[in-house]
């Protein structure tokens, strides 16, 4: 299956060309570090591009302060990883291993140079992406999670980090190896999130850790952009790429993780160009990097609460915590979310046996148990195929008597032929059982009730649009989906009933609920947004 960026172990080390180094030198200043000097600390902003002229910079274990890797950065190499593009913070500290001289360029100046020299940009971004991939796969980070299996709050942080490709380490409170015992001792063997050796996060939440890593950005009343994209799924990220490419200043606000609902798909096989399949998270992550390359910014996890239109024709969106972002145009790409079942104790078991995604993180809870997937769509089918690699057996619960109308034929055929999967037609889940965690569910069929032992229930049913924050500014259908195009007397298919507000992807009434369609809509709508923004600027100038 396709993955982003080559592995650093196999990537050929190619130094920057002399011309690229000369261009960097024109906008850089030289810095000298003595052996032992810290070049960057954990939590500091990645606000400068660092190119080594001589010496050596080593990556440091933030807990032991020892050298983390055998190799180090040397002359003609540069520091940093993909967080540089979005002004993120360092996950790991860096130290001069010997007397070192560097060229250092302010982040915005470097991004401007990269935008003008695509060959330089391609080189830097390839290395940055490969480094992030390696950090994520090897779990090299100052962030340590303890007891996620037992604590829903820690688990929510783990889900946020995992889905956003942010490196972290996770420890089981029952682990007996020396490293686990040492880390757990730091928190008196209680579920916790440790950000560095001196900082334990109280009442952990995705937002708190995002603030520490500078993933939520410093947005507030002074933030004004051409386009505010609300939603970071395939449609929103595709629009982010094209907005940046067309010179529009754009900000993407996402309340959970880049990828949206598509980010929970473990394997997409029918997206053109990826014959061996690609995970939804990796597909959208590629798009995010493209958008960052063109200057679009991403803030997460930030939720839009409401919106108002000002007398100067701009829109101002209030975010959680009261922050406000204003824009000349808004693109609604909030997608949909799985509906919750009306089951007793459902909320109690969420994060303790009940899940709404099937990624690596959730799959581990299926070991040594049978898994139950509720739903008859493609997402449910992909989840079942993926979970069958880990679970003893997978049960798919479908209310109808067929999957033909809701699931792609190739998926249905595979599921029906897989001995590790059983499809229960005409069946519903009517009860949840367990103590501190889910232990069993009740299947209700035309023949009666059956109890199935399981500690992993995946709910992937129906779709509720995320449109409550629009404050009635645009027309919606009776289910809450945004009405666009001819139905609201608009000349193009993605315009809403309000000038300057557009809608794409699953949130749009009548849209095709497929990743490829969402990407296409997010790409096409930008030309119309560009026209609106230019007209708005002209009227403001007059």
Protein backbone atom coordinates (compact mmCIF):
# COMPACT_ATOMS: atom_id res chain seq x y z
CA UNK A 1 0.00 0.00 0.00
CA UNK A 2 1.23 3.49 -0.90
CA UNK A 3 2.90 5.58 1.82
CA UNK A 4 4.21 9.11 1.82
CA UNK A 5 7.95 9.74 1.57
CA UNK A 6 10.77 7.33 1.18
CA UNK A 7 12.43 5.84 4.22
CA UNK A 8 15.48 7.84 5.28
CA UNK A 9 17.49 4.62 5.39
CA UNK A 10 17.01 4.14 1.65
CA UNK A 11 16.74 7.78 0.50
CA UNK A 12 19.85 8.85 -1.36
CA UNK A 13 21.61 11.68 0.47
CA UNK A 14 21.86 14.50 -2.06
CA UNK A 15 23.26 17.85 -0.87
CA UNK A 16 21.68 21.10 -1.95
CA UNK A 17 23.15 22.51 -5.14
CA UNK A 18 25.68 25.32 -4.97
CA UNK A 19 23.12 27.66 -6.50
CA UNK A 20 20.56 26.83 -3.83
CA UNK A 21 23.10 27.33 -1.06
CA UNK A 22 24.07 30.68 -2.57
CA UNK A 23 20.40 31.74 -2.61
CA UNK A 24 20.05 30.72 1.04
CA UNK A 25 23.20 32.61 1.98
CA UNK A 26 21.76 35.85 0.54
CA UNK A 27 18.90 35.83 3.09
CA UNK A 28 20.67 34.06 5.98
CA UNK A 29 22.84 35.01 8.89
CA UNK A 30 25.75 32.93 10.18
CA UNK A 31 25.68 31.48 13.69
CA UNK A 32 28.38 29.74 15.70
CA UNK A 33 27.73 27.11 18.38
CA UNK A 34 30.27 25.72 20.81
CA UNK A 35 30.25 22.01 21.59
CA UNK A 36 27.37 21.33 23.96
CA UNK A 37 25.34 24.42 23.03
CA UNK A 38 21.64 23.76 22.48
CA UNK A 39 20.48 24.61 18.97
CA UNK A 40 16.79 24.01 19.71
CA UNK A 41 14.79 22.88 22.74
CA UNK A 42 11.57 20.87 22.90
CA UNK A 43 8.56 23.17 22.55
CA UNK A 44 10.47 25.97 20.82
CA UNK A 45 8.98 27.19 17.53
CA UNK A 46 10.52 25.89 14.33
CA UNK A 47 10.92 29.49 13.19
CA UNK A 48 14.18 29.28 11.26
CA UNK A 49 15.77 27.11 8.58
CA UNK A 50 19.14 25.78 9.74
CA UNK A 51 21.82 24.80 7.19
CA UNK A 52 25.13 23.40 8.41
CA UNK A 53 28.33 24.89 7.04
CA UNK A 54 30.54 22.90 9.39
CA UNK A 55 30.50 20.90 12.59
CA UNK A 56 27.82 18.51 13.79
CA UNK A 57 24.34 18.74 15.30
CA UNK A 58 22.96 15.78 17.22
CA UNK A 59 19.41 14.88 18.21
CA UNK A 60 19.08 14.54 21.98
CA UNK A 61 16.88 12.27 24.08
CA UNK A 62 14.82 14.84 26.05
CA UNK A 63 14.72 12.61 29.13
CA UNK A 64 18.24 11.20 29.42
CA UNK A 65 19.96 14.11 27.60
CA UNK A 66 22.05 11.52 25.77
CA UNK A 67 22.52 11.36 22.01
CA UNK A 68 19.42 9.71 20.53
CA UNK A 69 20.76 8.47 17.18
CA UNK A 70 24.13 7.15 16.14
CA UNK A 71 24.15 9.48 13.15
CA UNK A 72 24.03 13.28 13.29
CA UNK A 73 23.61 16.20 10.91
CA UNK A 74 26.83 17.35 9.29
CA UNK A 75 28.07 19.87 6.72
CA UNK A 76 25.77 20.42 3.69
CA UNK A 77 22.76 19.05 5.59
CA UNK A 78 19.86 20.99 7.11
CA UNK A 79 17.77 20.56 10.23
CA UNK A 80 14.01 20.38 10.66
CA UNK A 81 11.00 18.36 9.58
CA UNK A 82 7.56 18.94 8.09
CA UNK A 83 6.27 20.98 11.07
CA UNK A 84 8.49 23.79 9.77
CA UNK A 85 5.92 24.50 7.04
CA UNK A 86 3.14 25.27 9.54
CA UNK A 87 5.28 26.97 12.22
CA UNK A 88 5.04 23.99 14.57
CA UNK A 89 7.29 23.34 17.55
CA UNK A 90 10.22 20.99 17.95
CA UNK A 91 9.42 17.46 19.20
CA UNK A 92 13.05 16.70 20.00
CA UNK A 93 15.96 18.91 21.15
CA UNK A 94 19.09 19.48 19.06
CA UNK A 95 22.60 20.13 20.35
CA UNK A 96 25.95 20.99 18.80
CA UNK A 97 28.15 17.89 19.19
CA UNK A 98 31.24 19.92 18.28
CA UNK A 99 32.01 23.48 17.24
CA UNK A 100 29.42 24.20 14.58
CA UNK A 101 28.69 27.00 12.12
CA UNK A 102 25.29 27.39 10.46
CA UNK A 103 23.37 29.52 8.03
CA UNK A 104 19.98 30.40 9.53
CA UNK A 105 17.02 31.88 7.63
CA UNK A 106 13.77 33.17 9.19
CA UNK A 107 10.95 30.74 8.39
CA UNK A 108 8.84 33.09 6.27
CA UNK A 109 11.86 34.18 4.21
CA UNK A 110 12.74 30.54 3.57
CA UNK A 111 9.18 29.71 2.54
CA UNK A 112 9.23 32.64 0.14
CA UNK A 113 12.48 31.37 -1.38
CA UNK A 114 11.05 27.87 -1.69
CA UNK A 115 7.98 29.23 -3.48
CA UNK A 116 10.25 30.90 -6.05
CA UNK A 117 12.63 27.95 -6.48
CA UNK A 118 10.56 24.76 -6.90
CA UNK A 119 13.60 22.48 -7.17
CA UNK A 120 14.78 23.66 -3.76
CA UNK A 121 11.27 23.26 -2.37
CA UNK A 122 10.98 19.70 -3.67
CA UNK A 123 14.30 18.73 -2.10
CA UNK A 124 13.57 20.27 1.30
CA UNK A 125 10.00 18.96 1.52
CA UNK A 126 11.04 15.42 0.52
CA UNK A 127 13.58 15.32 3.33
CA UNK A 128 11.21 16.95 5.83
CA UNK A 129 8.43 14.46 5.01
CA UNK A 130 10.79 11.49 5.28
CA UNK A 131 12.03 12.69 8.65
CA UNK A 132 8.49 13.05 9.97
CA UNK A 133 7.65 9.57 8.70
CA UNK A 134 10.67 8.15 10.45
CA UNK A 135 9.92 10.02 13.68
CA UNK A 136 6.35 8.77 13.61
CA UNK A 137 7.22 5.16 12.84
CA UNK A 138 10.04 5.01 15.41
CA UNK A 139 7.95 7.03 17.91
CA UNK A 140 10.76 9.50 18.52
CA UNK A 141 9.26 12.36 20.48
CA UNK A 142 9.22 14.01 23.87
CA UNK A 143 5.48 13.22 24.13
CA UNK A 144 4.70 10.13 26.21
CA UNK A 145 1.23 8.75 26.90
CA UNK A 146 0.66 6.50 29.89
CA UNK A 147 -2.37 4.28 30.32
CA UNK A 148 -4.34 5.14 27.18
CA UNK A 149 -5.99 1.72 27.33
CA UNK A 150 -7.60 2.67 30.63
CA UNK A 151 -8.27 6.38 30.41
CA UNK A 152 -10.58 7.89 27.75
CA UNK A 153 -8.93 11.32 28.09
CA UNK A 154 -5.46 9.92 27.36
CA UNK A 155 -6.97 7.82 24.59
CA UNK A 156 -8.46 10.92 22.96
CA UNK A 157 -5.01 12.51 22.95
CA UNK A 158 -3.54 9.36 21.41
CA UNK A 159 -6.22 9.35 18.72
CA UNK A 160 -5.52 12.99 17.91
CA UNK A 161 -1.76 12.48 17.70
CA UNK A 162 -2.01 9.29 15.69
CA UNK A 163 -4.45 10.63 13.12
CA UNK A 164 -2.37 13.79 12.66
CA UNK A 165 0.88 11.84 12.19
CA UNK A 166 2.50 13.37 15.27
CA UNK A 167 5.16 11.15 16.85
CA UNK A 168 4.58 9.94 20.40
CA UNK A 169 5.22 6.98 22.68
CA UNK A 170 2.51 5.04 24.48
CA UNK A 171 3.03 2.97 27.62
CA UNK A 172 0.86 0.36 29.31
CA UNK A 173 0.48 0.83 33.04
CA UNK A 174 0.93 -2.93 33.44
CA UNK A 175 4.19 -2.99 31.48
CA UNK A 176 7.16 -4.49 33.31
CA UNK A 177 10.12 -3.45 31.16
CA UNK A 178 12.50 -0.95 32.73
CA UNK A 179 11.59 1.98 30.47
CA UNK A 180 7.86 1.60 31.15
CA UNK A 181 8.43 1.29 34.89
CA UNK A 182 10.62 4.41 34.88
CA UNK A 183 8.12 6.49 32.91
CA UNK A 184 5.12 5.32 34.91
CA UNK A 185 6.97 6.17 38.12
CA UNK A 186 7.09 9.81 37.00
CA UNK A 187 3.29 9.95 37.27
CA UNK A 188 2.79 7.64 40.27
CA UNK A 189 1.47 4.96 37.91
CA UNK A 190 -1.60 7.01 36.96
CA UNK A 191 -2.86 7.59 33.40
CA UNK A 192 -1.08 10.72 32.18
CA UNK A 193 0.38 12.66 29.28
CA UNK A 194 4.01 13.75 29.66
CA UNK A 195 5.18 16.49 27.29
CA UNK A 196 8.80 16.53 28.42
CA UNK A 197 10.78 15.52 31.48
CA UNK A 198 9.47 18.48 33.49
CA UNK A 199 5.93 18.86 32.18
CA UNK A 200 3.03 16.50 32.99
CA UNK A 201 -0.24 17.59 31.34
CA UNK A 202 -3.09 17.98 33.80
CA UNK A 203 -6.56 17.04 32.50
CA UNK A 204 -5.14 16.03 29.09
CA UNK A 205 -7.03 16.95 25.96
CA UNK A 206 -6.20 17.22 22.24
CA UNK A 207 -6.52 21.01 22.43
CA UNK A 208 -3.99 21.31 25.26
CA UNK A 209 -1.41 19.22 23.49
CA UNK A 210 -2.08 21.08 20.24
CA UNK A 211 -1.32 24.34 22.03
CA UNK A 212 1.93 22.89 23.35
CA UNK A 213 2.95 21.79 19.85
CA UNK A 214 1.59 25.00 18.26
CA UNK A 215 -0.80 23.06 16.05
CA UNK A 216 -3.77 25.33 16.81
CA UNK A 217 -1.86 28.44 15.66
CA UNK A 218 -2.23 31.86 17.21
CA UNK A 219 -5.51 32.83 15.59
CA UNK A 220 -7.62 35.58 17.04
CA UNK A 221 -9.31 38.89 16.35
CA UNK A 222 -6.49 40.16 14.14
CA UNK A 223 -6.66 37.18 11.79
CA UNK A 224 -8.00 38.11 8.35
CA UNK A 225 -7.68 35.78 5.37
CA UNK A 226 -9.06 35.60 1.87
CA UNK A 227 -10.62 32.19 2.46
CA UNK A 228 -11.54 30.38 5.65
CA UNK A 229 -11.92 26.66 4.96
CA UNK A 230 -13.91 24.97 7.70
CA UNK A 231 -13.16 21.25 7.63
CA UNK A 232 -9.94 19.35 6.89
CA UNK A 233 -11.28 16.34 5.00
CA UNK A 234 -10.49 15.55 1.33
CA UNK A 235 -12.64 18.42 0.01
CA UNK A 236 -11.23 21.01 2.38
CA UNK A 237 -7.61 19.97 1.87
CA UNK A 238 -8.01 19.88 -1.94
CA UNK A 239 -9.35 23.44 -1.76
CA UNK A 240 -6.44 24.38 0.51
CA UNK A 241 -3.98 23.22 -2.14
CA UNK A 242 -5.62 25.18 -4.93
CA UNK A 243 -6.16 28.31 -2.81
CA UNK A 244 -2.47 28.40 -2.01
CA UNK A 245 -1.49 27.69 -5.60
CA UNK A 246 -3.68 30.57 -6.81
CA UNK A 247 -2.21 33.04 -4.34
CA UNK A 248 -5.16 33.23 -1.97
CA UNK A 249 -4.37 33.49 1.74
CA UNK A 250 -6.23 30.59 3.32
CA UNK A 251 -6.68 29.06 6.74
CA UNK A 252 -8.08 25.57 7.33
CA UNK A 253 -9.86 25.02 10.64
CA UNK A 254 -10.35 21.37 11.64
CA UNK A 255 -11.93 20.20 14.87
CA UNK A 256 -10.51 16.68 15.03
CA UNK A 257 -7.80 15.62 12.60
CA UNK A 258 -6.74 16.33 9.06
CA UNK A 259 -8.45 13.72 6.90
CA UNK A 260 -11.94 13.98 8.34
CA UNK A 261 -14.01 10.85 8.06
CA UNK A 262 -11.81 9.67 5.17
CA UNK A 263 -8.91 9.67 7.62
CA UNK A 264 -10.50 6.74 9.42
CA UNK A 265 -10.42 4.56 6.27
CA UNK A 266 -7.59 2.08 6.56
CA UNK A 267 -7.47 1.27 2.85
CA UNK A 268 -8.96 2.98 -0.21
CA UNK A 269 -8.51 0.87 -3.32
CA UNK A 270 -10.69 2.67 -5.86
CA UNK A 271 -8.97 6.06 -5.85
CA UNK A 272 -7.30 6.64 -9.21
CA UNK A 273 -3.52 6.48 -9.21
CA UNK A 274 -3.07 4.12 -6.26
CA UNK A 275 -3.50 0.59 -7.62
CA UNK A 276 -2.27 -1.02 -4.40
CA UNK A 277 -4.50 1.16 -2.25
CA UNK A 278 -3.79 3.98 0.16
CA UNK A 279 -5.11 4.84 3.60
CA UNK A 280 -7.42 7.81 3.79
CA UNK A 281 -5.16 9.48 6.33
CA UNK A 282 -2.09 9.17 4.12
CA UNK A 283 -3.94 10.42 1.04
CA UNK A 284 -5.13 13.59 2.75
CA UNK A 285 -1.80 14.06 4.54
CA UNK A 286 -0.13 14.28 1.12
CA UNK A 287 -2.58 17.02 0.23
CA UNK A 288 -1.91 18.85 3.47
CA UNK A 289 1.82 18.96 2.74
CA UNK A 290 1.09 20.30 -0.75
CA UNK A 291 -1.13 23.00 0.73
CA UNK A 292 1.49 23.95 3.33
CA UNK A 293 4.04 24.20 0.54
CA UNK A 294 1.85 26.85 -1.12
CA UNK A 295 1.38 28.80 2.11
CA UNK A 296 -2.01 27.62 3.36
CA UNK A 297 -2.12 27.27 7.15
CA UNK A 298 -3.88 24.65 9.26
CA UNK A 299 -5.25 25.17 12.78
CA UNK A 300 -6.45 22.20 14.84
CA UNK A 301 -8.29 21.10 16.81
CA UNK A 302 -10.41 24.23 16.44
CA UNK A 303 -14.20 24.15 16.11
CA UNK A 304 -16.34 26.77 14.38
CA UNK A 305 -19.15 27.80 16.73
CA UNK A 306 -21.04 30.42 14.71
CA UNK A 307 -20.62 32.94 11.90
CA UNK A 308 -21.85 36.43 11.14
CA UNK A 309 -21.69 38.64 8.08
CA UNK A 310 -20.32 42.14 8.66
CA UNK A 311 -21.42 45.34 6.93
CA UNK A 312 -18.18 45.34 4.88
CA UNK A 313 -19.22 41.96 3.35
CA UNK A 314 -16.62 39.99 5.28
CA UNK A 315 -17.50 36.98 7.40
CA UNK A 316 -16.32 36.48 10.96
CA UNK A 317 -16.37 33.00 12.47
CA UNK A 318 -16.23 32.52 16.21
CA UNK A 319 -14.15 29.51 17.24
CA UNK A 320 -14.13 27.59 20.47
CA UNK A 321 -12.65 29.61 23.33
CA UNK A 322 -14.08 32.76 21.72
CA UNK A 323 -11.32 33.36 19.15
CA UNK A 324 -12.52 35.03 15.96
CA UNK A 325 -11.30 34.62 12.38
CA UNK A 326 -12.52 36.86 9.56
CA UNK A 327 -12.45 36.11 5.85
CA UNK A 328 -13.67 37.45 2.53
CA UNK A 329 -15.08 34.01 1.66
CA UNK A 330 -15.96 30.85 3.55
CA UNK A 331 -15.76 27.33 2.21
CA UNK A 332 -17.92 24.88 4.13
CA UNK A 333 -16.19 21.48 3.97
CA UNK A 334 -17.23 20.13 7.35
CA UNK A 335 -18.39 16.79 5.97
CA UNK A 336 -20.49 14.46 8.06
CA UNK A 337 -20.11 12.42 11.20
CA UNK A 338 -21.41 8.97 12.06
CA UNK A 339 -24.67 9.01 13.92
CA UNK A 340 -24.80 7.69 17.46
CA UNK A 341 -27.08 4.80 18.25
CA UNK A 342 -29.87 5.25 20.83
CA UNK A 343 -28.37 2.66 23.17
CA UNK A 344 -28.23 2.68 26.93
CA UNK A 345 -24.67 3.16 28.28
CA UNK A 346 -23.33 4.14 24.83
CA UNK A 347 -21.59 7.28 26.06
CA UNK A 348 -20.18 5.37 29.03
CA UNK A 349 -18.46 2.86 26.72
CA UNK A 350 -17.17 5.35 24.13
CA UNK A 351 -13.41 5.01 24.24
CA UNK A 352 -13.80 1.93 26.42
CA UNK A 353 -14.93 -0.50 23.75
CA UNK A 354 -17.06 1.65 21.44
CA UNK A 355 -15.26 3.35 18.53
CA UNK A 356 -16.11 5.42 15.46
CA UNK A 357 -12.92 4.80 13.50
CA UNK A 358 -10.85 1.76 12.55
CA UNK A 359 -7.20 2.79 12.38
CA UNK A 360 -4.07 1.21 13.86
CA UNK A 361 -4.88 2.72 17.22
CA UNK A 362 -8.35 1.18 17.48
CA UNK A 363 -7.32 -2.12 15.90
CA UNK A 364 -5.12 -3.00 18.85
CA UNK A 365 -8.23 -3.26 21.04
CA UNK A 366 -9.39 -6.15 18.84
CA UNK A 367 -6.61 -8.51 19.82
CA UNK A 368 -7.91 -11.70 21.45
CA UNK A 369 -11.53 -10.68 20.96
CA UNK A 370 -14.25 -10.69 18.35
CA UNK A 371 -15.07 -7.32 16.79
CA UNK A 372 -18.48 -6.02 15.77
CA UNK A 373 -18.92 -3.45 12.98
CA UNK A 374 -22.32 -1.78 12.57
CA UNK A 375 -22.97 -0.35 9.10
CA UNK A 376 -23.40 -1.30 5.48
CA UNK A 377 -21.38 1.37 3.67
CA UNK A 378 -17.88 1.34 2.24
CA UNK A 379 -16.33 2.69 5.44
CA UNK A 380 -17.83 -0.19 7.42
CA UNK A 381 -16.65 -2.70 4.81
CA UNK A 382 -13.11 -1.32 4.77
CA UNK A 383 -13.05 -1.35 8.56
CA UNK A 384 -14.16 -4.98 8.68
CA UNK A 385 -11.48 -6.07 6.21
CA UNK A 386 -8.82 -4.21 8.17
CA UNK A 387 -9.92 -5.44 11.59
CA UNK A 388 -10.06 -9.04 10.41
CA UNK A 389 -6.23 -9.05 10.46
CA UNK A 390 -6.25 -8.47 14.22
CA UNK A 391 -9.53 -9.72 15.70
CA UNK A 392 -10.45 -13.35 16.26
CA UNK A 393 -13.48 -12.78 14.09
CA UNK A 394 -15.40 -9.80 12.69
CA UNK A 395 -19.19 -9.51 12.70
CA UNK A 396 -20.83 -6.99 10.37
CA UNK A 397 -24.32 -5.97 11.50
CA UNK A 398 -26.62 -4.71 8.74
CA UNK A 399 -30.29 -3.77 9.13
CA UNK A 400 -31.19 -4.48 5.49
CA UNK A 401 -31.14 -7.83 3.71
CA UNK A 402 -28.46 -6.82 1.18
CA UNK A 403 -25.34 -4.68 0.77
CA UNK A 404 -25.83 -4.09 -2.95
CA UNK A 405 -27.24 -0.58 -2.62
CA UNK A 406 -24.72 0.75 -0.08
CA UNK A 407 -21.34 -0.95 -0.58
CA UNK A 408 -19.01 -1.29 -3.57
CA UNK A 409 -19.22 -4.67 -5.24
CA UNK A 410 -15.53 -5.49 -4.78
CA UNK A 411 -15.80 -4.99 -1.02
CA UNK A 412 -18.98 -7.04 -0.71
CA UNK A 413 -17.44 -9.93 -2.62
CA UNK A 414 -14.34 -9.95 -0.42
CA UNK A 415 -16.32 -9.82 2.80
CA UNK A 416 -18.64 -12.62 1.76
CA UNK A 417 -15.66 -14.79 0.81
CA UNK A 418 -13.60 -14.08 3.94
CA UNK A 419 -13.91 -16.85 6.58
CA UNK A 420 -12.86 -14.35 9.26
CA UNK A 421 -15.94 -12.20 8.59
CA UNK A 422 -19.64 -12.92 9.12
CA UNK A 423 -22.34 -10.60 7.77
CA UNK A 424 -25.54 -10.55 9.81
CA UNK A 425 -28.38 -9.28 7.64
CA UNK A 426 -31.66 -8.04 9.11
CA UNK A 427 -29.90 -7.50 12.44
CA UNK A 428 -29.50 -4.64 14.91
CA UNK A 429 -27.49 -4.15 18.09
CA UNK A 430 -29.94 -3.42 20.89
CA UNK A 431 -27.93 -3.61 24.11
CA UNK A 432 -24.41 -3.11 25.47
CA UNK A 433 -23.02 -5.06 28.42
CA UNK A 434 -19.97 -4.65 30.63
CA UNK A 435 -18.44 -3.18 33.75
CA UNK A 436 -15.74 -0.54 33.31
CA UNK A 437 -15.47 -1.50 29.63
CA UNK A 438 -17.55 -3.14 26.95
CA UNK A 439 -17.79 -6.91 27.32
CA UNK A 440 -20.68 -8.00 25.08
CA UNK A 441 -23.52 -6.79 22.85
CA UNK A 442 -26.97 -8.12 22.04
CA UNK A 443 -27.93 -8.86 18.43
CA UNK A 444 -31.64 -8.68 17.69
CA UNK A 445 -32.70 -10.70 14.63
CA UNK A 446 -36.05 -11.88 13.24
CA UNK A 447 -35.35 -15.16 15.03
CA UNK A 448 -34.69 -13.54 18.41
CA UNK A 449 -31.86 -12.12 20.54
CA UNK A 450 -28.27 -13.36 20.68
CA UNK A 451 -25.52 -12.21 23.01
CA UNK A 452 -22.05 -11.85 21.40
CA UNK A 453 -18.96 -11.43 23.57
CA UNK A 454 -16.83 -8.52 22.34
CA UNK A 455 -14.75 -5.67 23.71
CA UNK A 456 -14.62 -3.76 20.42
CA UNK A 457 -17.73 -2.29 18.77
CA UNK A 458 -17.34 -0.03 15.73
CA UNK A 459 -20.31 2.17 14.83
CA UNK A 460 -20.35 3.41 11.21
CA UNK A 461 -23.95 4.20 10.41
CA UNK A 462 -25.69 7.08 8.71
CA UNK A 463 -24.36 10.55 8.28
CA UNK A 464 -25.23 13.76 10.12
CA UNK A 465 -23.92 16.99 8.53
CA UNK A 466 -21.87 19.41 10.61
CA UNK A 467 -23.76 22.60 9.77
CA UNK A 468 -25.15 23.91 13.06
CA UNK A 469 -22.42 26.58 13.27
CA UNK A 470 -23.66 28.33 10.09
CA UNK A 471 -26.23 30.24 12.17
CA UNK A 472 -28.92 30.08 9.49
CA UNK A 473 -26.87 32.10 6.98
CA UNK A 474 -27.33 29.49 4.22
CA UNK A 475 -30.24 27.32 3.15
CA UNK A 476 -30.15 23.65 4.15
CA UNK A 477 -32.39 20.71 3.36
CA UNK A 478 -34.57 18.92 5.90
CA UNK A 479 -31.59 16.83 7.05
CA UNK A 480 -29.25 19.78 7.51
CA UNK A 481 -27.15 19.40 4.34
CA UNK A 482 -26.23 22.67 2.59
CA UNK A 483 -28.21 23.41 -0.60
CA UNK A 484 -26.14 24.78 -3.48
CA UNK A 485 -26.27 25.60 -7.17
CA UNK A 486 -29.46 25.69 -9.20
CA UNK A 487 -31.63 24.78 -6.21
CA UNK A 488 -30.83 28.19 -4.70
CA UNK A 489 -30.69 29.99 -8.08
CA UNK A 490 -26.91 30.09 -8.26
CA UNK A 491 -24.95 29.82 -11.53
CA UNK A 492 -22.31 27.38 -10.28
CA UNK A 493 -22.89 24.12 -8.40
CA UNK A 494 -21.02 24.95 -5.19
CA UNK A 495 -22.43 28.40 -4.37
CA UNK A 496 -24.82 28.60 -1.44
CA UNK A 497 -27.74 30.94 -0.98
CA UNK A 498 -25.34 33.56 0.47
CA UNK A 499 -22.75 35.36 -1.64
CA UNK A 500 -19.26 34.44 -0.49
CA UNK A 501 -20.15 31.15 1.18
CA UNK A 502 -19.49 27.93 -0.74
CA UNK A 503 -19.97 24.26 0.16
CA UNK A 504 -18.20 21.14 -1.11
CA UNK A 505 -17.94 17.47 -0.24
CA UNK A 506 -20.24 15.37 1.87
CA UNK A 507 -21.81 18.37 3.63
CA UNK A 508 -23.37 19.52 0.34
CA UNK A 509 -26.91 18.35 -0.37
CA UNK A 510 -26.96 15.85 -3.23
CA UNK A 511 -23.21 15.28 -3.31
CA UNK A 512 -21.72 11.91 -4.15
CA UNK A 513 -20.30 10.56 -0.91
CA UNK A 514 -16.93 9.47 -2.30
CA UNK A 515 -13.39 10.67 -1.65
CA UNK A 516 -12.63 11.29 -5.34
CA UNK A 517 -15.74 13.42 -5.71
CA UNK A 518 -14.88 15.46 -2.62
CA UNK A 519 -11.36 16.11 -3.92
CA UNK A 520 -12.75 17.18 -7.28
CA UNK A 521 -15.27 19.57 -5.75
CA UNK A 522 -12.66 21.13 -3.47
CA UNK A 523 -10.39 21.70 -6.44
CA UNK A 524 -13.00 23.14 -8.83
CA UNK A 525 -14.65 25.56 -6.41
CA UNK A 526 -11.50 27.64 -5.96
CA UNK A 527 -11.80 29.40 -9.32
CA UNK A 528 -15.19 30.78 -8.29
CA UNK A 529 -13.87 31.74 -4.84
CA UNK A 530 -10.97 33.57 -6.48
CA UNK A 531 -13.41 35.64 -8.56
CA UNK A 532 -15.42 36.54 -5.47
CA UNK A 533 -12.35 37.52 -3.43
CA UNK A 534 -10.95 39.70 -6.21
CA UNK A 535 -14.30 41.46 -6.59
CA UNK A 536 -14.48 41.93 -2.83
CA UNK A 537 -11.02 43.50 -2.76
CA UNK A 538 -11.94 45.84 -5.60
CA UNK A 539 -15.09 47.04 -3.84
CA UNK A 540 -13.15 47.56 -0.61
CA UNK A 541 -10.55 49.63 -2.45
CA UNK A 542 -13.27 51.79 -4.01
